[in-house]
PDB file of N, CA and C in Angstrom:
ATOM      1  N   MET A   1     178.327 100.035  73.530  1.00  0.00           N
ATOM      2  CA  MET A   1     180.268 100.047  73.230  1.00  0.00           C
ATOM      3  C   MET A   1     179.703  99.686  71.636  1.00  0.00           C
ATOM      4  N   VAL A   2     180.633 100.583  70.907  1.00  0.00           N
ATOM      5  CA  VAL A   2     180.848 100.405  69.642  1.00  0.00           C
ATOM      6  C   VAL A   2     181.354  99.553  69.196  1.00  0.00           C
ATOM      7  N   ASP A   3     180.824  98.946  68.132  1.00  0.00           N
ATOM      8  CA  ASP A   3     182.184  97.889  67.479  1.00  0.00           C
ATOM      9  C   ASP A   3     182.595  98.144  66.628  1.00  0.00           C
ATOM     10  N   ASN A   4     183.891  97.916  65.823  1.00  0.00           N
ATOM     11  CA  ASN A   4     184.949  98.306  64.951  1.00  0.00           C
ATOM     12  C   ASN A   4     184.223  98.099  63.972  1.00  0.00           C
ATOM     13  N   ASP A   5     183.658  97.478  63.612  1.00  0.00           N
ATOM     14  CA  ASP A   5     182.917  97.009  61.858  1.00  0.00           C
ATOM     15  C   ASP A   5     181.940  98.516  61.841  1.00  0.00           C
ATOM     16  N   ASP A   6     181.183  98.697  62.786  1.00  0.00           N
ATOM     17  CA  ASP A   6     180.026  99.442  62.306  1.00  0.00           C
ATOM     18  C   ASP A   6     181.068 101.319  62.113  1.00  0.00           C
ATOM     19  N   ILE A   7     182.214 101.535  62.853  1.00  0.00           N
ATOM     20  CA  ILE A   7     182.957 102.621  62.663  1.00  0.00           C
ATOM     21  C   ILE A   7     183.882 102.584  61.518  1.00  0.00           C
ATOM     22  N   LEU A   8     183.969 101.218  61.242  1.00  0.00           N
ATOM     23  CA  LEU A   8     185.092 101.339  59.330  1.00  0.00           C
ATOM     24  C   LEU A   8     183.717 101.537  58.140  1.00  0.00           C
ATOM     25  N   LEU A   9     182.402 100.743  58.621  1.00  0.00           N
ATOM     26  CA  LEU A   9     181.178 100.659  57.286  1.00  0.00           C
ATOM     27  C   LEU A   9     180.972 102.315  57.559  1.00  0.00           C
ATOM     28  N   LYS A  10     180.669 102.883  58.691  1.00  0.00           N
ATOM     29  CA  LYS A  10     180.394 104.466  58.997  1.00  0.00           C
ATOM     30  C   LYS A  10     181.119 105.370  58.221  1.00  0.00           C
ATOM     31  N   ASP A  11     182.956 105.075  57.837  1.00  0.00           N
ATOM     32  CA  ASP A  11     183.790 106.026  57.616  1.00  0.00           C
ATOM     33  C   ASP A  11     183.915 105.778  55.974  1.00  0.00           C
ATOM     34  N   PHE A  12     183.881 104.713  55.634  1.00  0.00           N
ATOM     35  CA  PHE A  12     183.586 103.963  54.143  1.00  0.00           C
ATOM     36  C   PHE A  12     182.379 104.513  53.808  1.00  0.00           C
ATOM     37  N   LEU A  13     181.463 104.470  54.340  1.00  0.00           N
ATOM     38  CA  LEU A  13     180.297 105.413  53.603  1.00  0.00           C
ATOM     39  C   LEU A  13     180.276 106.890  53.430  1.00  0.00           C
ATOM     40  N   GLN A  14     181.072 107.230  54.750  1.00  0.00           N
ATOM     41  CA  GLN A  14     181.385 108.552  54.209  1.00  0.00           C
ATOM     42  C   GLN A  14     182.159 109.140  53.355  1.00  0.00           C
ATOM     43  N   ALA A  15     183.085 108.378  52.967  1.00  0.00           N
ATOM     44  CA  ALA A  15     183.996 108.848  52.068  1.00  0.00           C
ATOM     45  C   ALA A  15     183.464 108.742  50.671  1.00  0.00           C
ATOM     46  N   ASN A  16     182.829 107.729  50.783  1.00  0.00           N
ATOM     47  CA  ASN A  16     182.446 107.213  49.391  1.00  0.00           C
ATOM     48  C   ASN A  16     181.078 107.747  49.031  1.00  0.00           C
ATOM     49  N   LYS A  17     180.449 108.770  49.343  1.00  0.00           N
ATOM     50  CA  LYS A  17     179.215 109.502  49.230  1.00  0.00           C
ATOM     51  C   LYS A  17     178.935 109.951  48.215  1.00  0.00           C
ATOM     52  N   GLN A  18     177.934 109.386  47.101  1.00  0.00           N
ATOM     53  CA  GLN A  18     178.027 110.204  46.038  1.00  0.00           C
ATOM     54  C   GLN A  18     176.383 110.520  45.658  1.00  0.00           C
ATOM     55  N   GLU A  19     176.381 111.586  44.949  1.00  0.00           N
ATOM     56  CA  GLU A  19     174.884 112.070  44.975  1.00  0.00           C
ATOM     57  C   GLU A  19     174.416 111.619  43.691  1.00  0.00           C
ATOM     58  N   VAL A  20     172.880 111.392  43.754  1.00  0.00           N
ATOM     59  CA  VAL A  20     172.417 110.880  42.517  1.00  0.00           C
ATOM     60  C   VAL A  20     171.616 111.994  41.780  1.00  0.00           C
ATOM     61  N   ALA A  21     171.504 111.769  40.510  1.00  0.00           N
ATOM     62  CA  ALA A  21     170.893 112.699  39.820  1.00  0.00           C
ATOM     63  C   ALA A  21     169.462 112.426  39.750  1.00  0.00           C
ATOM     64  N   ASP A  22     168.732 113.362  40.175  1.00  0.00           N
ATOM     65  CA  ASP A  22     167.299 113.130  40.149  1.00  0.00           C
ATOM     66  C   ASP A  22     166.559 112.558  38.908  1.00  0.00           C
ATOM     67  N   ASN A  23     166.874 113.608  37.603  1.00  0.00           N
ATOM     68  CA  ASN A  23     166.441 113.466  36.260  1.00  0.00           C
ATOM     69  C   ASN A  23     164.947 113.285  36.321  1.00  0.00           C
ATOM     70  N   GLY A  24     164.141 114.071  37.100  1.00  0.00           N
ATOM     71  CA  GLY A  24     162.477 114.294  37.031  1.00  0.00           C
ATOM     72  C   GLY A  24     161.698 112.921  37.919  1.00  0.00           C
ATOM     73  N   PHE A  25     162.811 112.262  38.563  1.00  0.00           N
ATOM     74  CA  PHE A  25     162.229 110.749  39.366  1.00  0.00           C
ATOM     75  C   PHE A  25     161.241 111.720  40.009  1.00  0.00           C
ATOM     76  N   SER A  26     161.361 112.143  41.209  1.00  0.00           N
ATOM     77  CA  SER A  26     160.674 112.651  41.876  1.00  0.00           C
ATOM     78  C   SER A  26     159.270 113.258  41.499  1.00  0.00           C
ATOM     79  N   ARG A  27     159.330 114.263  40.683  1.00  0.00           N
ATOM     80  CA  ARG A  27     158.172 114.929  39.944  1.00  0.00           C
ATOM     81  C   ARG A  27     157.309 113.585  39.154  1.00  0.00           C
ATOM     82  N   ARG A  28     158.123 112.825  38.649  1.00  0.00           N
ATOM     83  CA  ARG A  28     156.952 111.305  38.154  1.00  0.00           C
ATOM     84  C   ARG A  28     156.461 110.599  39.166  1.00  0.00           C
ATOM     85  N   VAL A  29     157.105 110.379  39.897  1.00  0.00           N
ATOM     86  CA  VAL A  29     156.440 109.606  41.659  1.00  0.00           C
ATOM     87  C   VAL A  29     155.310 110.542  41.891  1.00  0.00           C
ATOM     88  N   MET A  30     155.449 111.677  42.472  1.00  0.00           N
ATOM     89  CA  MET A  30     154.218 112.931  42.579  1.00  0.00           C
ATOM     90  C   MET A  30     153.261 112.567  41.504  1.00  0.00           C
ATOM     91  N   ASN A  31     153.579 112.648  40.206  1.00  0.00           N
ATOM     92  CA  ASN A  31     152.280 112.706  39.681  1.00  0.00           C
ATOM     93  C   ASN A  31     151.748 111.424  39.644  1.00  0.00           C
ATOM     94  N   ARG A  32     152.312 110.319  40.082  1.00  0.00           N
ATOM     95  CA  ARG A  32     151.679 108.957  39.645  1.00  0.00           C
ATOM     96  C   ARG A  32     150.961 108.664  41.104  1.00  0.00           C
ATOM     97  N   LEU A  33     151.129 109.253  41.919  1.00  0.00           N
ATOM     98  CA  LEU A  33     150.304 108.824  43.091  1.00  0.00           C
ATOM     99  C   LEU A  33     148.609 109.408  43.083  1.00  0.00           C
ATOM    100  N   PRO A  34     147.822 108.225  43.818  1.00  0.00           N
ATOM    101  CA  PRO A  34     146.334 108.391  43.726  1.00  0.00           C
ATOM    102  C   PRO A  34     146.123 110.132  44.150  1.00  0.00           C
ATOM    103  N   GLU A  35     144.940 110.455  43.100  1.00  0.00           N
ATOM    104  CA  GLU A  35     144.512 112.169  43.474  1.00  0.00           C
ATOM    105  C   GLU A  35     143.719 111.968  44.803  1.00  0.00           C
ATOM    106  N   ARG A  36     143.867 113.345  45.074  1.00  0.00           N
ATOM    107  CA  ARG A  36     143.121 113.747  46.470  1.00  0.00           C
ATOM    108  C   ARG A  36     141.791 113.009  46.327  1.00  0.00           C
ATOM    109  N   LYS A  37     141.067 113.572  45.407  1.00  0.00           N
ATOM    110  CA  LYS A  37     139.623 112.868  45.358  1.00  0.00           C
ATOM    111  C   LYS A  37     139.441 111.620  45.601  1.00  0.00           C
ATOM    112  N   ALA A  38     140.035 110.506  45.096  1.00  0.00           N
ATOM    113  CA  ALA A  38     140.091 109.562  46.002  1.00  0.00           C
ATOM    114  C   ALA A  38     140.101 109.128  47.447  1.00  0.00           C
ATOM    115  N   GLN A  39     141.127 109.729  47.596  1.00  0.00           N
ATOM    116  CA  GLN A  39     141.339 109.794  49.430  1.00  0.00           C
ATOM    117  C   GLN A  39     140.119 110.151  49.923  1.00  0.00           C
ATOM    118  N   LEU A  40     139.559 111.416  49.538  1.00  0.00           N
ATOM    119  CA  LEU A  40     138.200 112.017  49.917  1.00  0.00           C
ATOM    120  C   LEU A  40     137.400 111.282  49.958  1.00  0.00           C
ATOM    121  N   LEU A  41     137.035 110.647  48.705  1.00  0.00           N
ATOM    122  CA  LEU A  41     136.049 109.882  48.786  1.00  0.00           C
ATOM    123  C   LEU A  41     136.041 108.598  49.646  1.00  0.00           C
ATOM    124  N   SER A  42     137.419 107.918  49.842  1.00  0.00           N
ATOM    125  CA  SER A  42     137.617 107.180  51.273  1.00  0.00           C
ATOM    126  C   SER A  42     136.960 107.489  52.353  1.00  0.00           C
ATOM    127  N   TYR A  43     137.858 108.787  52.451  1.00  0.00           N
ATOM    128  CA  TYR A  43     136.960 109.278  53.908  1.00  0.00           C
ATOM    129  C   TYR A  43     135.311 109.812  53.918  1.00  0.00           C
ATOM    130  N   LEU A  44     134.966 109.621  52.783  1.00  0.00           N
ATOM    131  CA  LEU A  44     133.714 109.943  52.955  1.00  0.00           C
ATOM    132  C   LEU A  44     133.040 109.088  53.115  1.00  0.00           C
ATOM    133  N   LEU A  45     133.080 107.779  52.448  1.00  0.00           N
ATOM    134  CA  LEU A  45     132.748 106.491  53.087  1.00  0.00           C
ATOM    135  C   LEU A  45     132.565 106.255  54.096  1.00  0.00           C
ATOM    136  N   SER A  46     134.216 105.807  54.905  1.00  0.00           N
ATOM    137  CA  SER A  46     134.106 105.583  56.006  1.00  0.00           C
ATOM    138  C   SER A  46     133.340 106.297  57.198  1.00  0.00           C
ATOM    139  N   ALA A  47     133.116 107.673  56.933  1.00  0.00           N
ATOM    140  CA  ALA A  47     132.216 108.549  57.770  1.00  0.00           C
ATOM    141  C   ALA A  47     130.726 107.827  57.526  1.00  0.00           C
ATOM    142  N   VAL A  48     130.233 107.990  56.670  1.00  0.00           N
ATOM    143  CA  VAL A  48     129.019 107.415  55.979  1.00  0.00           C
ATOM    144  C   VAL A  48     128.901 106.360  56.916  1.00  0.00           C
ATOM    145  N   SER A  49     129.936 105.414  56.561  1.00  0.00           N
ATOM    146  CA  SER A  49     129.604 103.860  57.342  1.00  0.00           C
ATOM    147  C   SER A  49     129.204 104.059  58.439  1.00  0.00           C
ATOM    148  N   LEU A  50     130.184 105.036  59.555  1.00  0.00           N
ATOM    149  CA  LEU A  50     130.471 105.157  60.878  1.00  0.00           C
ATOM    150  C   LEU A  50     128.696 105.552  60.961  1.00  0.00           C
ATOM    151  N   VAL A  51     128.192 106.504  60.699  1.00  0.00           N
ATOM    152  CA  VAL A  51     127.387 107.450  60.895  1.00  0.00           C
ATOM    153  C   VAL A  51     126.181 106.200  60.900  1.00  0.00           C
ATOM    154  N   LEU A  52     126.080 105.543  59.875  1.00  0.00           N
ATOM    155  CA  LEU A  52     125.066 104.151  59.751  1.00  0.00           C
ATOM    156  C   LEU A  52     125.509 103.381  60.752  1.00  0.00           C
ATOM    157  N   VAL A  53     126.493 102.969  60.822  1.00  0.00           N
ATOM    158  CA  VAL A  53     126.527 101.800  62.135  1.00  0.00           C
ATOM    159  C   VAL A  53     125.855 102.601  63.475  1.00  0.00           C
ATOM    160  N   VAL A  54     126.380 103.718  63.904  1.00  0.00           N
ATOM    161  CA  VAL A  54     126.015 104.366  64.929  1.00  0.00           C
ATOM    162  C   VAL A  54     123.829 104.039  64.985  1.00  0.00           C
ATOM    163  N   VAL A  55     123.979 104.588  63.565  1.00  0.00           N
ATOM    164  CA  VAL A  55     122.235 105.149  63.639  1.00  0.00           C
ATOM    165  C   VAL A  55     121.721 103.771  63.836  1.00  0.00           C
ATOM    166  N   LEU A  56     122.158 102.600  63.275  1.00  0.00           N
ATOM    167  CA  LEU A  56     121.641 101.119  63.388  1.00  0.00           C
ATOM    168  C   LEU A  56     121.807 100.517  64.889  1.00  0.00           C
ATOM    169  N   PHE A  57     122.628 100.565  65.234  1.00  0.00           N
ATOM    170  CA  PHE A  57     122.815 100.217  66.983  1.00  0.00           C
ATOM    171  C   PHE A  57     121.660 100.935  67.397  1.00  0.00           C
ATOM    172  N   PHE A  58     121.371 102.329  67.521  1.00  0.00           N
ATOM    173  CA  PHE A  58     120.469 102.531  68.181  1.00  0.00           C
ATOM    174  C   PHE A  58     119.139 102.497  68.078  1.00  0.00           C
ATOM    175  N   VAL A  59     118.747 101.816  66.397  1.00  0.00           N
ATOM    176  CA  VAL A  59     117.422 102.015  65.864  1.00  0.00           C
ATOM    177  C   VAL A  59     117.236 100.339  66.469  1.00  0.00           C
ATOM    178  N   GLN A  60     118.246  99.187  66.487  1.00  0.00           N
ATOM    179  CA  GLN A  60     118.068  97.872  66.776  1.00  0.00           C
ATOM    180  C   GLN A  60     117.996  97.853  68.129  1.00  0.00           C
ATOM    181  N   GLY A  61     118.367  98.590  68.881  1.00  0.00           N
ATOM    182  CA  GLY A  61     118.303  98.816  70.296  1.00  0.00           C
ATOM    183  C   GLY A  61     119.421  98.149  71.245  1.00  0.00           C
ATOM    184  N   GLY A  62     120.441  98.691  70.377  1.00  0.00           N
ATOM    185  CA  GLY A  62     121.823  98.277  71.159  1.00  0.00           C
ATOM    186  C   GLY A  62     122.064  98.987  72.091  1.00  0.00           C
ATOM    187  N   VAL A  63     121.676  99.997  72.724  1.00  0.00           N
ATOM    188  CA  VAL A  63     121.649 100.438  73.768  1.00  0.00           C
ATOM    189  C   VAL A  63     121.017  99.882  74.920  1.00  0.00           C
ATOM    190  N   GLY A  64     119.838  99.140  74.617  1.00  0.00           N
ATOM    191  CA  GLY A  64     119.475  98.846  76.154  1.00  0.00           C
ATOM    192  C   GLY A  64     119.740  97.256  75.725  1.00  0.00           C
ATOM    193  N   LEU A  65     120.515  96.778  74.901  1.00  0.00           N
ATOM    194  CA  LEU A  65     121.201  95.417  74.917  1.00  0.00           C
ATOM    195  C   LEU A  65     122.479  95.636  76.172  1.00  0.00           C
ATOM    196  N   VAL A  66     123.002  96.497  75.768  1.00  0.00           N
ATOM    197  CA  VAL A  66     124.285  96.715  76.202  1.00  0.00           C
ATOM    198  C   VAL A  66     124.190  97.096  77.940  1.00  0.00           C
ATOM    199  N   GLY A  67     123.159  97.776  78.206  1.00  0.00           N
ATOM    200  CA  GLY A  67     122.519  98.539  79.388  1.00  0.00           C
ATOM    201  C   GLY A  67     122.093  97.023  79.986  1.00  0.00           C
ATOM    202  N   SER A  68     121.344  96.469  79.620  1.00  0.00           N
ATOM    203  CA  SER A  68     121.105  95.416  80.487  1.00  0.00           C
ATOM    204  C   SER A  68     121.821  94.442  80.712  1.00  0.00           C
ATOM    205  N   ALA A  69     123.295  94.060  79.797  1.00  0.00           N
ATOM    206  CA  ALA A  69     124.303  93.734  80.183  1.00  0.00           C
ATOM    207  C   ALA A  69     124.759  93.818  81.540  1.00  0.00           C
ATOM    208  N   LEU A  70     125.187  95.097  81.364  1.00  0.00           N
ATOM    209  CA  LEU A  70     125.561  96.066  82.425  1.00  0.00           C
ATOM    210  C   LEU A  70     125.033  95.741  83.637  1.00  0.00           C
ATOM    211  N   ARG A  71     123.934  95.858  83.105  1.00  0.00           N
ATOM    212  CA  ARG A  71     122.956  95.666  84.717  1.00  0.00           C
ATOM    213  C   ARG A  71     123.178  94.637  85.262  1.00  0.00           C
ATOM    214  N   GLU A  72     123.259  93.104  84.291  1.00  0.00           N
ATOM    215  CA  GLU A  72     123.098  91.778  85.023  1.00  0.00           C
ATOM    216  C   GLU A  72     124.509  91.841  85.666  1.00  0.00           C
ATOM    217  N   VAL A  73     125.517  92.045  85.159  1.00  0.00           N
ATOM    218  CA  VAL A  73     126.731  91.821  85.609  1.00  0.00           C
ATOM    219  C   VAL A  73     127.256  92.745  86.715  1.00  0.00           C
ATOM    220  N   PHE A  74     126.568  93.896  86.504  1.00  0.00           N
ATOM    221  CA  PHE A  74     126.389  94.678  87.919  1.00  0.00           C
ATOM    222  C   PHE A  74     125.756  94.089  89.687  1.00  0.00           C
ATOM    223  N   GLN A  75     124.722  93.564  88.868  1.00  0.00           N
ATOM    224  CA  GLN A  75     123.356  93.072  89.954  1.00  0.00           C
ATOM    225  C   GLN A  75     124.412  91.814  90.535  1.00  0.00           C
ATOM    226  N   ASN A  76     124.743  90.896  89.710  1.00  0.00           N
ATOM    227  CA  ASN A  76     125.720  89.935  90.012  1.00  0.00           C
ATOM    228  C   ASN A  76     126.810  89.942  90.971  1.00  0.00           C
ATOM    229  N   ILE A  77     127.114  91.078  90.631  1.00  0.00           N
ATOM    230  CA  ILE A  77     128.801  91.265  91.632  1.00  0.00           C
ATOM    231  C   ILE A  77     127.830  91.835  93.228  1.00  0.00           C
ATOM    232  N   SER A  78     127.255  92.507  92.539  1.00  0.00           N
ATOM    233  CA  SER A  78     126.386  93.046  94.026  1.00  0.00           C
ATOM    234  C   SER A  78     125.701  92.374  95.042  1.00  0.00           C
ATOM    235  N   PHE A  79     124.751  91.781  94.371  1.00  0.00           N
ATOM    236  CA  PHE A  79     124.111  90.540  94.801  1.00  0.00           C
ATOM    237  C   PHE A  79     125.376  89.573  95.861  1.00  0.00           C
ATOM    238  N   SER A  80     126.324  89.211  95.073  1.00  0.00           N
ATOM    239  CA  SER A  80     127.352  87.821  95.549  1.00  0.00           C
ATOM    240  C   SER A  80     127.960  88.541  96.742  1.00  0.00           C
ATOM    241  N   GLY A  81     128.630  89.867  96.091  1.00  0.00           N
ATOM    242  CA  GLY A  81     129.420  90.124  97.015  1.00  0.00           C
ATOM    243  C   GLY A  81     131.243  89.967  96.381  1.00  0.00           C
ATOM    244  N   ASN A  82     131.112  88.834  95.452  1.00  0.00           N
ATOM    245  CA  ASN A  82     132.669  88.292  94.791  1.00  0.00           C
ATOM    246  C   ASN A  82     132.558  88.508  93.200  1.00  0.00           C
ATOM    247  N   PHE A  83     133.599  88.657  92.928  1.00  0.00           N
ATOM    248  CA  PHE A  83     133.726  88.587  91.228  1.00  0.00           C
ATOM    249  C   PHE A  83     133.200  87.208  90.593  1.00  0.00           C
ATOM    250  N   SER A  84     133.244  85.869  91.518  1.00  0.00           N
ATOM    251  CA  SER A  84     133.212  84.885  91.081  1.00  0.00           C
ATOM    252  C   SER A  84     131.732  84.069  90.195  1.00  0.00           C
ATOM    253  N   SER A  85     131.171  85.332  90.731  1.00  0.00           N
ATOM    254  CA  SER A  85     129.513  84.693  90.091  1.00  0.00           C
ATOM    255  C   SER A  85     129.257  85.555  88.343  1.00  0.00           C
ATOM    256  N   LEU A  86     130.060  85.669  87.689  1.00  0.00           N
ATOM    257  CA  LEU A  86     130.247  85.982  86.744  1.00  0.00           C
ATOM    258  C   LEU A  86     130.292  84.650  85.246  1.00  0.00           C
ATOM    259  N   ASN A  87     129.904  83.491  85.859  1.00  0.00           N
ATOM    260  CA  ASN A  87     130.364  82.328  85.114  1.00  0.00           C
ATOM    261  C   ASN A  87     131.639  82.276  84.881  1.00  0.00           C
ATOM    262  N   GLY A  88     132.667  82.587  85.463  1.00  0.00           N
ATOM    263  CA  GLY A  88     134.229  82.138  84.949  1.00  0.00           C
ATOM    264  C   GLY A  88     134.674  83.805  84.115  1.00  0.00           C
ATOM    265  N   THR A  89     133.534  84.535  83.968  1.00  0.00           N
ATOM    266  CA  THR A  89     134.254  86.011  83.355  1.00  0.00           C
ATOM    267  C   THR A  89     134.885  86.627  84.389  1.00  0.00           C
ATOM    268  N   GLU A  90     136.108  87.119  83.913  1.00  0.00           N
ATOM    269  CA  GLU A  90     136.580  88.065  85.314  1.00  0.00           C
ATOM    270  C   GLU A  90     136.091  89.285  84.881  1.00  0.00           C
ATOM    271  N   PRO A  91     135.798  90.176  85.459  1.00  0.00           N
ATOM    272  CA  PRO A  91     135.356  91.725  85.638  1.00  0.00           C
ATOM    273  C   PRO A  91     136.330  92.217  85.173  1.00  0.00           C
ATOM    274  N   TRP A  92     137.597  92.269  85.296  1.00  0.00           N
ATOM    275  CA  TRP A  92     138.791  92.651  84.804  1.00  0.00           C
ATOM    276  C   TRP A  92     138.835  92.729  83.211  1.00  0.00           C
ATOM    277  N   THR A  93     138.429  91.437  82.826  1.00  0.00           N
ATOM    278  CA  THR A  93     138.251  90.962  81.336  1.00  0.00           C
ATOM    279  C   THR A  93     137.386  92.235  80.799  1.00  0.00           C
ATOM    280  N   VAL A  94     136.160  91.766  81.382  1.00  0.00           N
ATOM    281  CA  VAL A  94     135.188  92.947  80.853  1.00  0.00           C
ATOM    282  C   VAL A  94     135.689  94.661  80.978  1.00  0.00           C
ATOM    283  N   ALA A  95     136.188  95.046  81.858  1.00  0.00           N
ATOM    284  CA  ALA A  95     137.160  96.167  82.074  1.00  0.00           C
ATOM    285  C   ALA A  95     137.413  96.394  80.930  1.00  0.00           C
ATOM    286  N   VAL A  96     138.650  95.607  80.517  1.00  0.00           N
ATOM    287  CA  VAL A  96     139.536  95.509  79.454  1.00  0.00           C
ATOM    288  C   VAL A  96     139.260  96.084  78.155  1.00  0.00           C
ATOM    289  N   VAL A  97     138.036  95.298  77.784  1.00  0.00           N
ATOM    290  CA  VAL A  97     137.538  94.845  76.822  1.00  0.00           C
ATOM    291  C   VAL A  97     136.890  96.355  76.490  1.00  0.00           C
ATOM    292  N   ALA A  98     136.237  97.090  77.428  1.00  0.00           N
ATOM    293  CA  ALA A  98     135.402  98.046  76.957  1.00  0.00           C
ATOM    294  C   ALA A  98     136.241  98.955  76.650  1.00  0.00           C
ATOM    295  N   VAL A  99     137.346  99.370  77.638  1.00  0.00           N
ATOM    296  CA  VAL A  99     138.699 100.237  77.586  1.00  0.00           C
ATOM    297  C   VAL A  99     139.421 100.222  76.413  1.00  0.00           C
ATOM    298  N   VAL A 100     139.676  99.096  75.624  1.00  0.00           N
ATOM    299  CA  VAL A 100     139.974  98.862  74.416  1.00  0.00           C
ATOM    300  C   VAL A 100     139.245  99.195  73.451  1.00  0.00           C
ATOM    301  N   LEU A 101     137.568  98.959  73.325  1.00  0.00           N
ATOM    302  CA  LEU A 101     136.963  99.521  72.177  1.00  0.00           C
ATOM    303  C   LEU A 101     136.716 101.074  72.346  1.00  0.00           C
ATOM    304  N   LEU A 102     136.871 101.715  73.451  1.00  0.00           N
ATOM    305  CA  LEU A 102     136.571 102.894  73.487  1.00  0.00           C
ATOM    306  C   LEU A 102     137.708 104.000  73.072  1.00  0.00           C
ATOM    307  N   PHE A 103     138.874 103.300  72.899  1.00  0.00           N
ATOM    308  CA  PHE A 103     140.350 103.545  72.480  1.00  0.00           C
ATOM    309  C   PHE A 103     140.110 103.095  71.394  1.00  0.00           C
ATOM    310  N   MET A 104     139.667 102.366  70.720  1.00  0.00           N
ATOM    311  CA  MET A 104     139.422 102.048  69.430  1.00  0.00           C
ATOM    312  C   MET A 104     138.637 103.149  68.487  1.00  0.00           C
ATOM    313  N   GLY A 105     137.537 103.192  68.804  1.00  0.00           N
ATOM    314  CA  GLY A 105     136.313 103.923  68.891  1.00  0.00           C
ATOM    315  C   GLY A 105     136.837 105.347  68.470  1.00  0.00           C
ATOM    316  N   TYR A 106     137.796 105.796  69.889  1.00  0.00           N
ATOM    317  CA  TYR A 106     138.231 107.321  69.645  1.00  0.00           C
ATOM    318  C   TYR A 106     139.588 107.363  68.712  1.00  0.00           C
ATOM    319  N   GLY A 107     140.060 106.632  68.784  1.00  0.00           N
ATOM    320  CA  GLY A 107     141.669 106.642  67.375  1.00  0.00           C
ATOM    321  C   GLY A 107     140.614 106.554  65.941  1.00  0.00           C
ATOM    322  N   LYS A 108     139.940 106.225  65.684  1.00  0.00           N
ATOM    323  CA  LYS A 108     139.159 106.123  64.557  1.00  0.00           C
ATOM    324  C   LYS A 108     138.574 107.412  64.218  1.00  0.00           C
ATOM    325  N   LEU A 109     137.914 108.101  65.169  1.00  0.00           N
ATOM    326  CA  LEU A 109     137.389 109.519  65.361  1.00  0.00           C
ATOM    327  C   LEU A 109     138.077 110.623  65.253  1.00  0.00           C
ATOM    328  N   ALA A 110     139.753 110.289  65.893  1.00  0.00           N
ATOM    329  CA  ALA A 110     140.472 111.038  65.772  1.00  0.00           C
ATOM    330  C   ALA A 110     141.057 111.437  64.279  1.00  0.00           C
ATOM    331  N   ASN A 111     141.206 110.013  63.577  1.00  0.00           N
ATOM    332  CA  ASN A 111     141.949 110.008  62.504  1.00  0.00           C
ATOM    333  C   ASN A 111     141.391 110.698  61.516  1.00  0.00           C
ATOM    334  N   MET A 112     139.665 110.934  61.657  1.00  0.00           N
ATOM    335  CA  MET A 112     138.971 111.123  60.628  1.00  0.00           C
ATOM    336  C   MET A 112     139.187 112.614  59.761  1.00  0.00           C
ATOM    337  N   PRO A 113     139.020 112.957  58.558  1.00  0.00           N
ATOM    338  CA  PRO A 113     139.531 114.110  58.169  1.00  0.00           C
ATOM    339  C   PRO A 113     138.715 115.453  59.029  1.00  0.00           C
ATOM    340  N   GLU A 114     139.143 116.514  58.285  1.00  0.00           N
ATOM    341  CA  GLU A 114     138.341 117.916  59.538  1.00  0.00           C
ATOM    342  C   GLU A 114     137.111 118.157  58.267  1.00  0.00           C
TER     343      GLU A 114
END
């Protein structure tokens, strides 16, 4: 449903439309934007930080810790036959957290500059 006030406002604005002179405003704004070098440095630091975190994860044995935690969860589930043996932790919670972390990591990697 279209409101009568909306129609009146649209007609008024259309009838009183005015062009504003630029007078070099756009050029001045573009000249004041940060340089691409600073943006490139930011992307470079992000990439270096990501590589450092991944390397430290592997060097400090993060893969083994994650693997043993997952192995323990699956053993508890397989031996008990139900999901209540995870000390109150729902397995769907673990799955949702894992999926969210994977998507966040993929989003970060996909948004990195080429």
